[in-house]
Amino acid sequence: MIQELMMRLIDLPEEVIRSKMDQERLRDLANSIQEIGLLQPIVVKKKGDRYEVIAGYRRFTAHELIGKKKILANVKV
């Protein structure tokens, strides 16, 4: 189910797959999201009253970078 979630309710997984991100490419992604919008929702799983990122770590980080308060997410139960 696709939902718009508050960023503050989403946690990163304890073990992030991408330990390093190219900052220039991240900035490009953030600019694209700011200009066009998010083309593909991130994927999260419900953990109690919070959520954890399953897929879309870069998109989530780009949202943080540009100060977005909400993000589209595909919520897996």
Protein backbone atom coordinates (compact mmCIF):
# COMPACT_ATOMS: atom_id res chain seq x y z
CA MET A 1 0.00 0.00 0.00
CA ILE A 2 1.43 3.38 -1.05
CA GLN A 3 1.20 6.02 1.68
CA GLU A 4 2.66 9.43 2.33
CA LEU A 5 4.61 9.12 5.58
CA MET A 6 6.22 11.65 7.86
CA MET A 7 9.99 11.39 7.51
CA ARG A 8 10.42 11.54 11.29
CA LEU A 9 8.59 8.20 11.63
CA ILE A 10 11.04 6.33 9.38
CA ASP A 11 14.25 4.72 10.62
CA LEU A 12 17.19 3.48 8.59
CA PRO A 13 18.04 -0.20 8.93
CA GLU A 14 20.77 -1.02 11.42
CA GLU A 15 22.91 -2.37 8.61
CA VAL A 16 22.81 -0.01 5.64
CA ILE A 17 23.83 -1.67 2.37
CA ARG A 18 25.34 1.48 0.90
CA SER A 19 28.11 2.42 3.28
CA LYS A 20 29.35 5.16 0.94
CA MET A 21 27.37 7.44 -1.31
CA ASP A 22 28.72 9.69 -4.03
CA GLN A 23 27.75 13.12 -2.68
CA GLU A 24 27.54 14.70 -6.13
CA ARG A 25 25.15 12.00 -7.38
CA LEU A 26 23.12 12.31 -4.17
CA ARG A 27 22.85 16.08 -4.72
CA ASP A 28 21.76 15.42 -8.35
CA LEU A 29 19.06 13.04 -7.08
CA ALA A 30 17.93 15.60 -4.49
CA ASN A 31 17.71 18.30 -7.18
CA SER A 32 15.71 15.98 -9.43
CA ILE A 33 13.30 15.15 -6.61
CA GLN A 34 12.91 18.85 -5.86
CA GLU A 35 12.21 19.71 -9.52
CA ILE A 36 10.20 16.69 -10.69
CA GLY A 37 9.12 14.90 -7.54
CA LEU A 38 9.72 11.35 -6.36
CA LEU A 39 9.19 8.97 -9.29
CA GLN A 40 9.36 5.74 -7.29
CA PRO A 41 8.25 5.42 -3.66
CA ILE A 42 10.66 3.97 -1.13
CA VAL A 43 9.78 0.61 0.44
CA VAL A 44 9.39 0.38 4.21
CA LYS A 45 8.22 -2.21 6.70
CA LYS A 46 6.09 -1.47 9.73
CA LYS A 47 7.93 -1.81 13.05
CA GLY A 48 5.57 -1.05 15.91
CA ASP A 49 4.42 2.54 15.46
CA ARG A 50 7.42 3.35 13.22
CA TYR A 51 8.76 2.22 9.85
CA GLU A 52 12.13 0.93 8.61
CA VAL A 53 13.57 1.50 5.13
CA ILE A 54 13.84 -1.72 3.10
CA ALA A 55 14.60 -0.14 -0.29
CA GLY A 56 15.21 3.45 -1.31
CA TYR A 57 17.93 4.52 1.10
CA ARG A 58 19.34 7.06 -1.41
CA ARG A 59 15.88 8.51 -2.13
CA PHE A 60 15.22 8.78 1.61
CA THR A 61 18.59 10.48 2.18
CA ALA A 62 17.96 12.87 -0.73
CA HIS A 63 14.62 13.83 0.86
CA GLU A 64 16.41 14.58 4.12
CA LEU A 65 18.98 16.64 2.23
CA ILE A 66 16.35 18.96 0.79
CA GLY A 67 14.39 19.17 4.03
CA LYS A 68 11.25 17.29 2.96
CA LYS A 69 8.90 16.43 5.82
CA LYS A 70 6.99 13.64 4.01
CA ILE A 71 7.84 10.87 1.54
CA LEU A 72 5.83 8.40 -0.53
CA ALA A 73 6.38 4.87 0.67
CA ASN A 74 5.19 1.41 -0.21
CA VAL A 75 4.39 -0.03 3.22
CA LYS A 76 4.96 -3.77 3.66
CA VAL A 77 3.37 -5.41 6.66
